[in-house]
Amino acid sequence: MDDEDRIALFLDYENLAIGAREDLGGLAFDVRPIADALAERGRVVVRRAYADWSYFDEDRRMLTRSHVELIEMPQRMGASRKNAADIKLSVDAIELAFVRDYVSTFVVGTGDSDFTPLVYKLRELNKRVIGVGIRGSTSGLLPPACDEFLYYDDLEGVEPAPAATPSEDESPAAKDRDLDDLAGVVAQSVAGLQRTGGQVTASTLKRTLLRKDPTFNEADHGFRAFGELLRHLAERHVVELADGPTKGDPEVLLPALDGQQEAFDLLRSVVLDLTAKHGRAALSGLKDQLRRARPGFSEQALGFRSFLQFVRAAATTGTIELRWDAGADDYLITVP
C-alpha cells in the first residue's frame, strides 16, 4: 500500500453535468467511470464535488453511493455562484496539498480554463495533476497544463448517444494515418530516451508520451492497453520488446537497421519520391519522411550524432548529393 499513489478528486460538478447533457446527447453524468479509471492509477482518499445542489438534486444519491463528499455552494446569483464554487474548490485543493503530504496526485474534474492556474500551482508543489473533462466543453488551454488529461467521453462505461453520421476522422484511412503518426512519435521518444541513457521501459515511455500530449490514450487508436499498442508496433518493426526490470514492464528498444547501406538506400528512395512529388527534397522535414517510411529509423542507432551527419555520410558514398541553397535557406538533396 505504501507504494500506491494517494489521489484527491475534486469535481467542478456543474461544468461536468451540464457538459455531459449538452455535448453527449443528453447523457446523465455518472462519477463511477471516473472512479474506475482512477482505481487503476492509485488509491482515491478524497472525493469532493462542488455545486449548488438544489440544481442537481437527483444526482445526490449517485454521488453519495460513490462516497463523494458534497460541498454546498448555495449562492444563486448567476456568475457569482459559479465563481464562488470555483474559488472554494481551488482553496480546498491548495490547502489539502499543504496539510496532506501523502496525497501525491490531484484530479480536477472540469473543462474550465479558469482552473489552469490551480493546475500550475499544484504542479509547482510537486503534485501530479490529472484533468477530467467533457471533450466538447473543455477549453484547449487546460489539457496541456496537466500531467495527464482524461476525456470523460472516452472512459469505459460512458456511452454517449451515437452521432447521426460518422465523421471523416473515423474512416479506416484516417485511423491508419493517425497510427502512422503515433508510430513516429513513439520511435522519436524512444530514441530521445536512449540518448539520455538508461533503460527505456514501457512505463517510462508511457510517462514520456503523456508529457508530450497529456490527452494521449492508446484507446483512441483501438488498443485496450499500452502493452497491446507496443506489441502491435513491435509487429510492424517500429520497436522491439525485451524483458524489463519488473514483470509486465518490458524494455522498449529501437530495432537496429541491418546496416548503414540499408539506411542510405532508404534515404535515396525517400528523396526520389519527394522529388517526383514536389520537384525537390529539402533537409527540413526529411527525417520525418524517413520515419513515415520506416517508423523505427534512428540515425543514433547507426552511430551518427545528428541527422545532418547521417546525410553527409550518405553523400560521401555517392548515394545522394547534398548542397546548400541560399534561396531556400536550406540544404537540398538530389539523387545523382
C-alpha atoms as a PDB file:
ATOM      1  CA  MET A   1       0.000   0.000   0.000  1.00  0.00           C
ATOM      2  CA  ASP A   2       2.927   2.372   0.696  1.00  0.00           C
ATOM      3  CA  ASP A   3       3.836   2.327  -2.996  1.00  0.00           C
ATOM      4  CA  GLU A   4       0.341   3.382  -4.082  1.00  0.00           C
ATOM      5  CA  ASP A   5      -0.372   6.898  -5.252  1.00  0.00           C
ATOM      6  CA  ARG A   6      -2.828   8.690  -2.961  1.00  0.00           C
ATOM      7  CA  ILE A   7      -5.343  10.575  -5.080  1.00  0.00           C
ATOM      8  CA  ALA A   8      -7.614  13.514  -4.256  1.00  0.00           C
ATOM      9  CA  LEU A   9     -10.585  14.032  -6.578  1.00  0.00           C
ATOM     10  CA  PHE A  10     -12.161  17.488  -6.925  1.00  0.00           C
ATOM     11  CA  LEU A  11     -15.191  17.870  -9.208  1.00  0.00           C
ATOM     12  CA  ASP A  12     -16.488  21.118 -10.663  1.00  0.00           C
ATOM     13  CA  TYR A  13     -19.818  19.369 -10.847  1.00  0.00           C
ATOM     14  CA  GLU A  14     -21.860  21.986 -12.672  1.00  0.00           C
ATOM     15  CA  ASN A  15     -19.324  22.107 -15.509  1.00  0.00           C
ATOM     16  CA  LEU A  16     -19.270  18.315 -15.886  1.00  0.00           C
ATOM     17  CA  ALA A  17     -23.008  17.708 -15.550  1.00  0.00           C
ATOM     18  CA  ILE A  18     -24.022  20.449 -17.973  1.00  0.00           C
ATOM     19  CA  GLY A  19     -21.245  19.466 -20.389  1.00  0.00           C
ATOM     20  CA  ALA A  20     -22.415  15.848 -20.432  1.00  0.00           C
ATOM     21  CA  ARG A  21     -26.023  16.865 -21.009  1.00  0.00           C
ATOM     22  CA  GLU A  22     -25.254  19.335 -23.805  1.00  0.00           C
ATOM     23  CA  ASP A  23     -22.360  17.609 -25.594  1.00  0.00           C
ATOM     24  CA  LEU A  24     -23.114  13.913 -25.074  1.00  0.00           C
ATOM     25  CA  GLY A  25     -26.666  13.737 -26.344  1.00  0.00           C
ATOM     26  CA  GLY A  26     -28.402  14.381 -23.015  1.00  0.00           C
ATOM     27  CA  LEU A  27     -26.323  11.793 -21.143  1.00  0.00           C
ATOM     28  CA  ALA A  28     -26.621  11.996 -17.354  1.00  0.00           C
ATOM     29  CA  PHE A  29     -23.225  12.442 -15.722  1.00  0.00           C
ATOM     30  CA  ASP A  30     -22.024   9.465 -13.662  1.00  0.00           C
ATOM     31  CA  VAL A  31     -18.929   9.637 -11.455  1.00  0.00           C
ATOM     32  CA  ARG A  32     -18.321   5.861 -11.498  1.00  0.00           C
ATOM     33  CA  PRO A  33     -16.378   5.763 -14.799  1.00  0.00           C
ATOM     34  CA  ILE A  34     -14.001   8.354 -13.329  1.00  0.00           C
ATOM     35  CA  ALA A  35     -13.659   6.339 -10.124  1.00  0.00           C
ATOM     36  CA  ASP A  36     -12.902   3.193 -12.111  1.00  0.00           C
ATOM     37  CA  ALA A  37     -10.239   4.957 -14.189  1.00  0.00           C
ATOM     38  CA  LEU A  38      -8.592   6.369 -11.064  1.00  0.00           C
ATOM     39  CA  ALA A  39      -8.621   2.967  -9.350  1.00  0.00           C
ATOM     40  CA  GLU A  40      -6.122   1.865 -11.989  1.00  0.00           C
ATOM     41  CA  ARG A  41      -3.822   4.739 -11.020  1.00  0.00           C
ATOM     42  CA  GLY A  42      -3.876   4.618  -7.238  1.00  0.00           C
ATOM     43  CA  ARG A  43      -5.956   4.877  -4.072  1.00  0.00           C
ATOM     44  CA  VAL A  44      -8.542   7.669  -4.009  1.00  0.00           C
ATOM     45  CA  VAL A  45      -8.548   9.088  -0.469  1.00  0.00           C
ATOM     46  CA  VAL A  46     -10.522  12.315  -1.062  1.00  0.00           C
ATOM     47  CA  ARG A  47     -13.651  12.753  -3.214  1.00  0.00           C
ATOM     48  CA  ARG A  48     -15.386  16.124  -3.272  1.00  0.00           C
ATOM     49  CA  ALA A  49     -17.912  17.699  -5.630  1.00  0.00           C
ATOM     50  CA  TYR A  50     -18.815  21.401  -5.631  1.00  0.00           C
ATOM     51  CA  ALA A  51     -22.183  22.784  -6.756  1.00  0.00           C
ATOM     52  CA  ASP A  52     -25.446  24.372  -5.707  1.00  0.00           C
ATOM     53  CA  TRP A  53     -27.123  21.007  -5.121  1.00  0.00           C
ATOM     54  CA  SER A  54     -30.614  22.422  -5.395  1.00  0.00           C
ATOM     55  CA  TYR A  55     -29.956  22.326  -9.159  1.00  0.00           C
ATOM     56  CA  PHE A  56     -28.740  18.723  -9.086  1.00  0.00           C
ATOM     57  CA  ASP A  57     -30.980  17.128  -6.506  1.00  0.00           C
ATOM     58  CA  GLU A  58     -31.348  13.858  -8.451  1.00  0.00           C
ATOM     59  CA  ASP A  59     -27.560  13.413  -8.620  1.00  0.00           C
ATOM     60  CA  ARG A  60     -27.061  13.410  -4.861  1.00  0.00           C
ATOM     61  CA  ARG A  61     -27.835   9.708  -4.403  1.00  0.00           C
ATOM     62  CA  MET A  62     -25.480   8.618  -7.186  1.00  0.00           C
ATOM     63  CA  LEU A  63     -22.634  10.673  -5.737  1.00  0.00           C
ATOM     64  CA  THR A  64     -23.299   9.541  -2.184  1.00  0.00           C
ATOM     65  CA  ARG A  65     -23.200   5.885  -3.261  1.00  0.00           C
ATOM     66  CA  SER A  66     -19.769   6.611  -4.760  1.00  0.00           C
ATOM     67  CA  HIS A  67     -18.602   8.125  -1.432  1.00  0.00           C
ATOM     68  CA  VAL A  68     -18.313  11.657  -2.808  1.00  0.00           C
ATOM     69  CA  GLU A  69     -18.487  14.488  -0.268  1.00  0.00           C
ATOM     70  CA  LEU A  70     -20.968  17.108  -1.469  1.00  0.00           C
ATOM     71  CA  ILE A  71     -19.767  20.672  -0.907  1.00  0.00           C
ATOM     72  CA  GLU A  72     -22.755  23.010  -0.937  1.00  0.00           C
ATOM     73  CA  MET A  73     -22.423  26.379  -2.674  1.00  0.00           C
ATOM     74  CA  PRO A  74     -25.942  27.804  -2.140  1.00  0.00           C
ATOM     75  CA  GLN A  75     -25.489  31.240  -3.732  1.00  0.00           C
ATOM     76  CA  ARG A  76     -27.996  31.839  -6.507  1.00  0.00           C
ATOM     77  CA  MET A  77     -26.656  34.905  -8.237  1.00  0.00           C
ATOM     78  CA  GLY A  78     -25.652  33.655 -11.672  1.00  0.00           C
ATOM     79  CA  ALA A  79     -21.968  34.059 -12.405  1.00  0.00           C
ATOM     80  CA  SER A  80     -21.105  34.872  -8.775  1.00  0.00           C
ATOM     81  CA  ARG A  81     -22.459  31.452  -7.736  1.00  0.00           C
ATOM     82  CA  LYS A  82     -20.219  29.718 -10.268  1.00  0.00           C
ATOM     83  CA  ASN A  83     -17.187  31.803  -9.274  1.00  0.00           C
ATOM     84  CA  ALA A  84     -17.781  31.017  -5.618  1.00  0.00           C
ATOM     85  CA  ALA A  85     -17.704  27.269  -6.323  1.00  0.00           C
ATOM     86  CA  ASP A  86     -14.507  27.631  -8.389  1.00  0.00           C
ATOM     87  CA  ILE A  87     -12.788  29.623  -5.650  1.00  0.00           C
ATOM     88  CA  LYS A  88     -13.853  27.210  -2.918  1.00  0.00           C
ATOM     89  CA  LEU A  89     -12.599  24.195  -4.917  1.00  0.00           C
ATOM     90  CA  SER A  90      -9.243  25.899  -5.588  1.00  0.00           C
ATOM     91  CA  VAL A  91      -8.722  26.957  -1.982  1.00  0.00           C
ATOM     92  CA  ASP A  92      -9.574  23.481  -0.688  1.00  0.00           C
ATOM     93  CA  ALA A  93      -7.205  21.819  -3.156  1.00  0.00           C
ATOM     94  CA  ILE A  94      -4.268  24.082  -2.244  1.00  0.00           C
ATOM     95  CA  GLU A  95      -4.967  23.636   1.472  1.00  0.00           C
ATOM     96  CA  LEU A  96      -5.008  19.854   1.069  1.00  0.00           C
ATOM     97  CA  ALA A  97      -1.711  19.977  -0.833  1.00  0.00           C
ATOM     98  CA  PHE A  98      -0.077  21.605   2.185  1.00  0.00           C
ATOM     99  CA  VAL A  99      -1.677  19.665   5.042  1.00  0.00           C
ATOM    100  CA  ARG A 100      -1.722  16.180   3.471  1.00  0.00           C
ATOM    101  CA  ASP A 101       1.786  15.470   2.185  1.00  0.00           C
ATOM    102  CA  TYR A 102       0.882  11.872   1.388  1.00  0.00           C
ATOM    103  CA  VAL A 103      -1.567  12.968  -1.339  1.00  0.00           C
ATOM    104  CA  SER A 104       0.591  12.736  -4.459  1.00  0.00           C
ATOM    105  CA  THR A 105      -1.996  13.158  -7.221  1.00  0.00           C
ATOM    106  CA  PHE A 106      -4.794  15.696  -7.617  1.00  0.00           C
ATOM    107  CA  VAL A 107      -7.614  15.068 -10.093  1.00  0.00           C
ATOM    108  CA  VAL A 108      -9.524  18.167 -11.200  1.00  0.00           C
ATOM    109  CA  GLY A 109     -12.794  17.363 -12.961  1.00  0.00           C
ATOM    110  CA  THR A 110     -13.655  20.345 -15.151  1.00  0.00           C
ATOM    111  CA  GLY A 111     -13.250  21.749 -18.624  1.00  0.00           C
ATOM    112  CA  ASP A 112     -12.953  25.336 -17.415  1.00  0.00           C
ATOM    113  CA  SER A 113      -9.684  27.106 -18.276  1.00  0.00           C
ATOM    114  CA  ASP A 114     -10.098  29.208 -15.116  1.00  0.00           C
ATOM    115  CA  PHE A 115      -8.614  26.231 -13.239  1.00  0.00           C
ATOM    116  CA  THR A 116      -5.362  26.359 -15.208  1.00  0.00           C
ATOM    117  CA  PRO A 117      -3.593  28.498 -12.518  1.00  0.00           C
ATOM    118  CA  LEU A 118      -4.631  25.916  -9.910  1.00  0.00           C
ATOM    119  CA  VAL A 119      -3.103  23.149 -12.021  1.00  0.00           C
ATOM    120  CA  TYR A 120       0.166  25.065 -12.381  1.00  0.00           C
ATOM    121  CA  LYS A 121       0.322  25.772  -8.648  1.00  0.00           C
ATOM    122  CA  LEU A 122      -0.287  22.118  -7.714  1.00  0.00           C
ATOM    123  CA  ARG A 123       2.449  21.003 -10.092  1.00  0.00           C
ATOM    124  CA  GLU A 124       4.733  23.657  -8.609  1.00  0.00           C
ATOM    125  CA  LEU A 125       4.060  21.991  -5.238  1.00  0.00           C
ATOM    126  CA  ASN A 126       5.335  18.694  -6.729  1.00  0.00           C
ATOM    127  CA  LYS A 127       1.879  17.185  -7.150  1.00  0.00           C
ATOM    128  CA  ARG A 128       0.840  15.208 -10.189  1.00  0.00           C
ATOM    129  CA  VAL A 129      -2.327  16.620 -11.764  1.00  0.00           C
ATOM    130  CA  ILE A 130      -4.844  14.687 -13.843  1.00  0.00           C
ATOM    131  CA  GLY A 131      -7.625  16.597 -15.551  1.00  0.00           C
ATOM    132  CA  VAL A 132     -11.013  15.139 -16.481  1.00  0.00           C
ATOM    133  CA  GLY A 133     -13.428  16.922 -18.783  1.00  0.00           C
ATOM    134  CA  ILE A 134     -16.086  16.584 -21.445  1.00  0.00           C
ATOM    135  CA  ARG A 135     -14.391  16.775 -24.853  1.00  0.00           C
ATOM    136  CA  GLY A 136     -16.856  19.236 -26.365  1.00  0.00           C
ATOM    137  CA  SER A 137     -16.809  21.659 -23.428  1.00  0.00           C
ATOM    138  CA  THR A 138     -13.147  21.517 -22.395  1.00  0.00           C
ATOM    139  CA  SER A 139     -11.017  24.571 -23.049  1.00  0.00           C
ATOM    140  CA  GLY A 140      -7.970  23.939 -25.224  1.00  0.00           C
ATOM    141  CA  LEU A 141      -5.824  25.646 -22.564  1.00  0.00           C
ATOM    142  CA  LEU A 142      -6.491  23.110 -19.815  1.00  0.00           C
ATOM    143  CA  PRO A 143      -5.228  19.703 -21.093  1.00  0.00           C
ATOM    144  CA  PRO A 144      -1.656  20.859 -21.908  1.00  0.00           C
ATOM    145  CA  ALA A 145      -1.317  22.221 -18.377  1.00  0.00           C
ATOM    146  CA  CYS A 146      -1.968  18.801 -16.792  1.00  0.00           C
ATOM    147  CA  ASP A 147       0.311  15.800 -16.420  1.00  0.00           C
ATOM    148  CA  GLU A 148      -2.481  13.689 -17.886  1.00  0.00           C
ATOM    149  CA  PHE A 149      -5.933  14.546 -19.195  1.00  0.00           C
ATOM    150  CA  LEU A 150      -8.812  12.099 -19.467  1.00  0.00           C
ATOM    151  CA  TYR A 151     -11.793  12.870 -21.654  1.00  0.00           C
ATOM    152  CA  TYR A 152     -14.912  11.654 -19.880  1.00  0.00           C
ATOM    153  CA  ASP A 153     -16.419  10.704 -23.251  1.00  0.00           C
ATOM    154  CA  ASP A 154     -13.698   8.057 -23.736  1.00  0.00           C
ATOM    155  CA  LEU A 155     -13.852   6.405 -20.316  1.00  0.00           C
ATOM    156  CA  GLU A 156     -15.074   2.840 -20.087  1.00  0.00           C
ATOM    157  CA  GLY A 157     -18.745   2.772 -19.109  1.00  0.00           C
ATOM    158  CA  VAL A 158     -19.620   6.083 -20.779  1.00  0.00           C
ATOM    159  CA  GLU A 159     -21.924   5.578 -23.743  1.00  0.00           C
ATOM    160  CA  PRO A 160     -22.943   8.885 -25.348  1.00  0.00           C
ATOM    161  CA  ALA A 161     -25.702   8.961 -27.922  1.00  0.00           C
ATOM    162  CA  PRO A 162     -24.347   7.915 -31.356  1.00  0.00           C
ATOM    163  CA  ALA A 163     -23.721  10.625 -33.903  1.00  0.00           C
ATOM    164  CA  ALA A 164     -26.128  10.833 -36.815  1.00  0.00           C
ATOM    165  CA  THR A 165     -23.364  10.251 -39.384  1.00  0.00           C
ATOM    166  CA  PRO A 166     -19.809   9.044 -38.928  1.00  0.00           C
ATOM    167  CA  SER A 167     -17.181  11.729 -39.218  1.00  0.00           C
ATOM    168  CA  GLU A 168     -14.391  11.653 -41.738  1.00  0.00           C
ATOM    169  CA  ASP A 169     -11.868  11.106 -38.935  1.00  0.00           C
ATOM    170  CA  GLU A 170     -13.474   7.741 -38.175  1.00  0.00           C
ATOM    171  CA  SER A 171     -12.631   6.312 -41.618  1.00  0.00           C
ATOM    172  CA  PRO A 172     -10.101   3.444 -41.738  1.00  0.00           C
ATOM    173  CA  ALA A 173      -7.705   5.572 -43.781  1.00  0.00           C
ATOM    174  CA  ALA A 174      -7.769   8.341 -41.171  1.00  0.00           C
ATOM    175  CA  LYS A 175      -7.154   5.829 -38.392  1.00  0.00           C
ATOM    176  CA  ASP A 176      -4.199   4.389 -40.315  1.00  0.00           C
ATOM    177  CA  ARG A 177      -2.725   7.877 -40.712  1.00  0.00           C
ATOM    178  CA  ASP A 178      -3.156   8.527 -37.003  1.00  0.00           C
ATOM    179  CA  LEU A 179      -1.413   5.259 -36.153  1.00  0.00           C
ATOM    180  CA  ASP A 180       1.440   6.075 -38.529  1.00  0.00           C
ATOM    181  CA  ASP A 181       1.867   9.435 -36.809  1.00  0.00           C
ATOM    182  CA  LEU A 182       1.798   7.741 -33.414  1.00  0.00           C
ATOM    183  CA  ALA A 183       4.446   5.232 -34.534  1.00  0.00           C
ATOM    184  CA  GLY A 184       6.718   8.121 -35.457  1.00  0.00           C
ATOM    185  CA  VAL A 185       6.179   9.815 -32.090  1.00  0.00           C
ATOM    186  CA  VAL A 186       6.891   6.552 -30.240  1.00  0.00           C
ATOM    187  CA  ALA A 187      10.081   5.915 -32.202  1.00  0.00           C
ATOM    188  CA  GLN A 188      11.225   9.502 -31.700  1.00  0.00           C
ATOM    189  CA  SER A 189      10.521   9.277 -27.958  1.00  0.00           C
ATOM    190  CA  VAL A 190      12.428   6.008 -27.565  1.00  0.00           C
ATOM    191  CA  ALA A 191      15.389   7.472 -29.454  1.00  0.00           C
ATOM    192  CA  GLY A 192      15.364  10.552 -27.216  1.00  0.00           C
ATOM    193  CA  LEU A 193      15.188   8.474 -24.044  1.00  0.00           C
ATOM    194  CA  GLN A 194      18.018   6.256 -25.259  1.00  0.00           C
ATOM    195  CA  ARG A 195      20.187   9.331 -25.852  1.00  0.00           C
ATOM    196  CA  THR A 196      19.740  10.411 -22.239  1.00  0.00           C
ATOM    197  CA  GLY A 197      20.973   6.982 -21.117  1.00  0.00           C
ATOM    198  CA  GLY A 198      19.413   4.251 -19.068  1.00  0.00           C
ATOM    199  CA  GLN A 199      16.901   1.563 -19.827  1.00  0.00           C
ATOM    200  CA  VAL A 200      13.692   2.570 -21.602  1.00  0.00           C
ATOM    201  CA  THR A 201      10.770   0.641 -20.145  1.00  0.00           C
ATOM    202  CA  ALA A 202       7.136   0.671 -21.223  1.00  0.00           C
ATOM    203  CA  SER A 203       6.126   2.659 -18.136  1.00  0.00           C
ATOM    204  CA  THR A 204       8.861   5.253 -18.784  1.00  0.00           C
ATOM    205  CA  LEU A 205       7.765   5.562 -22.402  1.00  0.00           C
ATOM    206  CA  LYS A 206       4.103   5.993 -21.425  1.00  0.00           C
ATOM    207  CA  ARG A 207       5.011   8.799 -18.998  1.00  0.00           C
ATOM    208  CA  THR A 208       7.036  10.497 -21.733  1.00  0.00           C
ATOM    209  CA  LEU A 209       4.156  10.316 -24.217  1.00  0.00           C
ATOM    210  CA  LEU A 210       1.829  11.842 -21.618  1.00  0.00           C
ATOM    211  CA  ARG A 211       4.293  14.679 -21.019  1.00  0.00           C
ATOM    212  CA  LYS A 212       4.260  15.399 -24.750  1.00  0.00           C
ATOM    213  CA  ASP A 213       0.476  15.087 -25.003  1.00  0.00           C
ATOM    214  CA  PRO A 214      -1.483  14.853 -21.711  1.00  0.00           C
ATOM    215  CA  THR A 215      -4.542  13.676 -23.682  1.00  0.00           C
ATOM    216  CA  PHE A 216      -2.708  10.634 -25.072  1.00  0.00           C
ATOM    217  CA  ASN A 217      -4.735   7.459 -24.698  1.00  0.00           C
ATOM    218  CA  GLU A 218      -3.975   4.210 -26.503  1.00  0.00           C
ATOM    219  CA  ALA A 219      -7.719   3.500 -26.575  1.00  0.00           C
ATOM    220  CA  ASP A 220      -8.106   6.336 -29.096  1.00  0.00           C
ATOM    221  CA  HIS A 221      -6.130   4.150 -31.509  1.00  0.00           C
ATOM    222  CA  GLY A 222      -8.125   0.989 -30.839  1.00  0.00           C
ATOM    223  CA  PHE A 223      -5.943  -0.659 -28.167  1.00  0.00           C
ATOM    224  CA  ARG A 224      -7.164  -1.838 -24.782  1.00  0.00           C
ATOM    225  CA  ALA A 225      -3.814  -1.361 -23.047  1.00  0.00           C
ATOM    226  CA  PHE A 226      -0.479   0.307 -23.675  1.00  0.00           C
ATOM    227  CA  GLY A 227       1.221  -3.093 -23.812  1.00  0.00           C
ATOM    228  CA  GLU A 228      -1.102  -4.122 -26.632  1.00  0.00           C
ATOM    229  CA  LEU A 229      -0.116  -0.998 -28.564  1.00  0.00           C
ATOM    230  CA  LEU A 230       3.593  -1.766 -28.067  1.00  0.00           C
ATOM    231  CA  ARG A 231       3.128  -5.338 -29.272  1.00  0.00           C
ATOM    232  CA  HIS A 232       1.402  -4.033 -32.407  1.00  0.00           C
ATOM    233  CA  LEU A 233       4.263  -1.610 -33.051  1.00  0.00           C
ATOM    234  CA  ALA A 234       6.750  -4.429 -32.482  1.00  0.00           C
ATOM    235  CA  GLU A 235       4.984  -6.499 -35.153  1.00  0.00           C
ATOM    236  CA  ARG A 236       5.422  -3.544 -37.529  1.00  0.00           C
ATOM    237  CA  HIS A 237       9.136  -3.362 -36.571  1.00  0.00           C
ATOM    238  CA  VAL A 238       8.738   0.124 -35.127  1.00  0.00           C
ATOM    239  CA  VAL A 239      10.145  -1.032 -31.768  1.00  0.00           C
ATOM    240  CA  GLU A 240      11.496  -4.189 -30.186  1.00  0.00           C
ATOM    241  CA  LEU A 241      10.440  -5.543 -26.787  1.00  0.00           C
ATOM    242  CA  ALA A 242      12.674  -7.329 -24.296  1.00  0.00           C
ATOM    243  CA  ASP A 243      12.376  -8.437 -20.663  1.00  0.00           C
ATOM    244  CA  GLY A 244      12.389  -5.429 -18.362  1.00  0.00           C
ATOM    245  CA  PRO A 245      13.428  -4.987 -14.731  1.00  0.00           C
ATOM    246  CA  THR A 246       9.966  -5.950 -13.483  1.00  0.00           C
ATOM    247  CA  LYS A 247       7.325  -8.328 -14.774  1.00  0.00           C
ATOM    248  CA  GLY A 248       4.786  -6.639 -17.018  1.00  0.00           C
ATOM    249  CA  ASP A 249       7.066  -3.662 -17.753  1.00  0.00           C
ATOM    250  CA  PRO A 250       9.145  -4.674 -20.794  1.00  0.00           C
ATOM    251  CA  GLU A 251      12.166  -2.833 -22.111  1.00  0.00           C
ATOM    252  CA  VAL A 252      11.465  -0.920 -25.340  1.00  0.00           C
ATOM    253  CA  LEU A 253      14.221  -0.709 -27.958  1.00  0.00           C
ATOM    254  CA  LEU A 254      14.558   0.668 -31.450  1.00  0.00           C
ATOM    255  CA  PRO A 255      15.192  -2.107 -33.950  1.00  0.00           C
ATOM    256  CA  ALA A 256      18.673  -1.849 -35.402  1.00  0.00           C
ATOM    257  CA  LEU A 257      18.784  -1.480 -39.150  1.00  0.00           C
ATOM    258  CA  ASP A 258      20.780  -4.180 -40.911  1.00  0.00           C
ATOM    259  CA  GLY A 259      23.467  -1.636 -41.766  1.00  0.00           C
ATOM    260  CA  GLN A 260      24.338   1.801 -42.984  1.00  0.00           C
ATOM    261  CA  GLN A 261      23.859   0.890 -46.627  1.00  0.00           C
ATOM    262  CA  GLU A 262      20.259  -0.128 -45.996  1.00  0.00           C
ATOM    263  CA  ALA A 263      19.689   3.230 -44.309  1.00  0.00           C
ATOM    264  CA  PHE A 264      21.352   5.059 -47.204  1.00  0.00           C
ATOM    265  CA  ASP A 265      19.143   3.163 -49.665  1.00  0.00           C
ATOM    266  CA  LEU A 266      16.099   4.178 -47.622  1.00  0.00           C
ATOM    267  CA  LEU A 267      17.215   7.818 -47.774  1.00  0.00           C
ATOM    268  CA  ARG A 268      17.710   7.581 -51.558  1.00  0.00           C
ATOM    269  CA  SER A 269      14.233   6.086 -52.033  1.00  0.00           C
ATOM    270  CA  VAL A 270      12.557   8.826 -49.968  1.00  0.00           C
ATOM    271  CA  VAL A 271      14.447  11.588 -51.788  1.00  0.00           C
ATOM    272  CA  LEU A 272      13.406  10.158 -55.160  1.00  0.00           C
ATOM    273  CA  ASP A 273       9.770  10.041 -54.013  1.00  0.00           C
ATOM    274  CA  LEU A 274       9.830  13.647 -52.701  1.00  0.00           C
ATOM    275  CA  THR A 275      11.497  14.906 -55.862  1.00  0.00           C
ATOM    276  CA  ALA A 276       8.867  13.219 -58.028  1.00  0.00           C
ATOM    277  CA  LYS A 277       6.023  14.723 -55.972  1.00  0.00           C
ATOM    278  CA  HIS A 278       7.355  18.198 -55.162  1.00  0.00           C
ATOM    279  CA  GLY A 279      10.220  18.794 -57.577  1.00  0.00           C
ATOM    280  CA  ARG A 280      12.825  18.875 -54.823  1.00  0.00           C
ATOM    281  CA  ALA A 281      13.825  17.359 -51.491  1.00  0.00           C
ATOM    282  CA  ALA A 282      14.997  19.618 -48.656  1.00  0.00           C
ATOM    283  CA  LEU A 283      16.726  18.623 -45.446  1.00  0.00           C
ATOM    284  CA  SER A 284      13.998  20.242 -43.337  1.00  0.00           C
ATOM    285  CA  GLY A 285      11.318  17.677 -42.670  1.00  0.00           C
ATOM    286  CA  LEU A 286      13.261  14.895 -44.400  1.00  0.00           C
ATOM    287  CA  LYS A 287      13.776  12.935 -41.195  1.00  0.00           C
ATOM    288  CA  ASP A 288      10.016  12.864 -40.616  1.00  0.00           C
ATOM    289  CA  GLN A 289       9.556  11.475 -44.131  1.00  0.00           C
ATOM    290  CA  LEU A 290      12.065   8.710 -43.411  1.00  0.00           C
ATOM    291  CA  ARG A 291      10.184   7.823 -40.257  1.00  0.00           C
ATOM    292  CA  ARG A 292       6.950   7.643 -42.192  1.00  0.00           C
ATOM    293  CA  ALA A 293       8.583   5.129 -44.490  1.00  0.00           C
ATOM    294  CA  ARG A 294      10.374   3.321 -41.644  1.00  0.00           C
ATOM    295  CA  PRO A 295       8.987   4.359 -38.224  1.00  0.00           C
ATOM    296  CA  GLY A 296      11.897   2.730 -36.385  1.00  0.00           C
ATOM    297  CA  PHE A 297      14.553   4.800 -38.170  1.00  0.00           C
ATOM    298  CA  SER A 298      17.164   6.384 -35.902  1.00  0.00           C
ATOM    299  CA  GLU A 299      20.489   7.814 -37.002  1.00  0.00           C
ATOM    300  CA  GLN A 300      21.784   7.311 -33.446  1.00  0.00           C
ATOM    301  CA  ALA A 301      21.315   3.551 -33.823  1.00  0.00           C
ATOM    302  CA  LEU A 302      23.731   3.737 -36.762  1.00  0.00           C
ATOM    303  CA  GLY A 303      26.321   5.688 -34.802  1.00  0.00           C
ATOM    304  CA  PHE A 304      25.607   9.203 -36.097  1.00  0.00           C
ATOM    305  CA  ARG A 305      25.272  12.103 -33.664  1.00  0.00           C
ATOM    306  CA  SER A 306      22.839  14.050 -35.868  1.00  0.00           C
ATOM    307  CA  PHE A 307      20.653  13.595 -38.928  1.00  0.00           C
ATOM    308  CA  LEU A 308      22.778  16.040 -40.924  1.00  0.00           C
ATOM    309  CA  GLN A 309      25.863  13.939 -40.160  1.00  0.00           C
ATOM    310  CA  PHE A 310      23.980  10.879 -41.443  1.00  0.00           C
ATOM    311  CA  VAL A 311      23.009  12.668 -44.683  1.00  0.00           C
ATOM    312  CA  ARG A 312      26.554  13.910 -45.218  1.00  0.00           C
ATOM    313  CA  ALA A 313      27.830  10.357 -44.775  1.00  0.00           C
ATOM    314  CA  ALA A 314      25.369   9.176 -47.420  1.00  0.00           C
ATOM    315  CA  ALA A 315      26.648  11.912 -49.754  1.00  0.00           C
ATOM    316  CA  THR A 316      30.240  10.741 -49.349  1.00  0.00           C
ATOM    317  CA  THR A 317      29.228   7.305 -50.684  1.00  0.00           C
ATOM    318  CA  GLY A 318      27.592   8.810 -53.773  1.00  0.00           C
ATOM    319  CA  THR A 319      24.105   7.647 -52.716  1.00  0.00           C
ATOM    320  CA  ILE A 320      22.813  11.229 -52.786  1.00  0.00           C
ATOM    321  CA  GLU A 321      24.173  14.732 -53.401  1.00  0.00           C
ATOM    322  CA  LEU A 322      23.913  17.487 -50.803  1.00  0.00           C
ATOM    323  CA  ARG A 323      24.234  21.229 -51.440  1.00  0.00           C
ATOM    324  CA  TRP A 324      23.293  24.437 -49.668  1.00  0.00           C
ATOM    325  CA  ASP A 325      20.679  26.586 -51.409  1.00  0.00           C
ATOM    326  CA  ALA A 326      20.737  30.211 -50.222  1.00  0.00           C
ATOM    327  CA  GLY A 327      17.388  30.945 -51.823  1.00  0.00           C
ATOM    328  CA  ALA A 328      15.699  28.106 -49.957  1.00  0.00           C
ATOM    329  CA  ASP A 329      17.824  28.753 -46.851  1.00  0.00           C
ATOM    330  CA  ASP A 330      18.194  25.009 -46.557  1.00  0.00           C
ATOM    331  CA  TYR A 331      20.138  22.021 -47.799  1.00  0.00           C
ATOM    332  CA  LEU A 332      18.733  20.489 -50.982  1.00  0.00           C
ATOM    333  CA  ILE A 333      19.245  16.804 -51.696  1.00  0.00           C
ATOM    334  CA  THR A 334      19.270  15.150 -55.083  1.00  0.00           C
ATOM    335  CA  VAL A 335      19.956  11.684 -56.441  1.00  0.00           C
ATOM    336  CA  PRO A 336      22.818  11.536 -58.979  1.00  0.00           C
END
